Amino acid sequence: MSFIYVLQPWRTCPDDDVPAGCPMLPDDAAILTVAMIVAVLATVMAGVGAAIRKRHDD
C-alpha cells in the first residue's frame, strides 16, 4: 500500500509530469495511516491466533 502511494499513479502535478514528485495530500496521509494500522493489527491478530492454536494443539 505504501509503495502505491509513493508512486501515486492517479495524481498529476501542475509543474512536473512525474506523479511520484507530487506531495502527499492530508487525505492521502490519513488513508495510508489507517492502512498501516490495519496491517499492524492484522499481523498481531495472526500471531495471537497462531500462538493460541499452537497452545491448543499441545
Foldseek 3Di string as FASTA:
>chain_A
DVVCQQQVPPDQDPVDRRPNPDDDDPVNVVVVVVVVVVVVVVVVVVVVVVVVVVVVVD
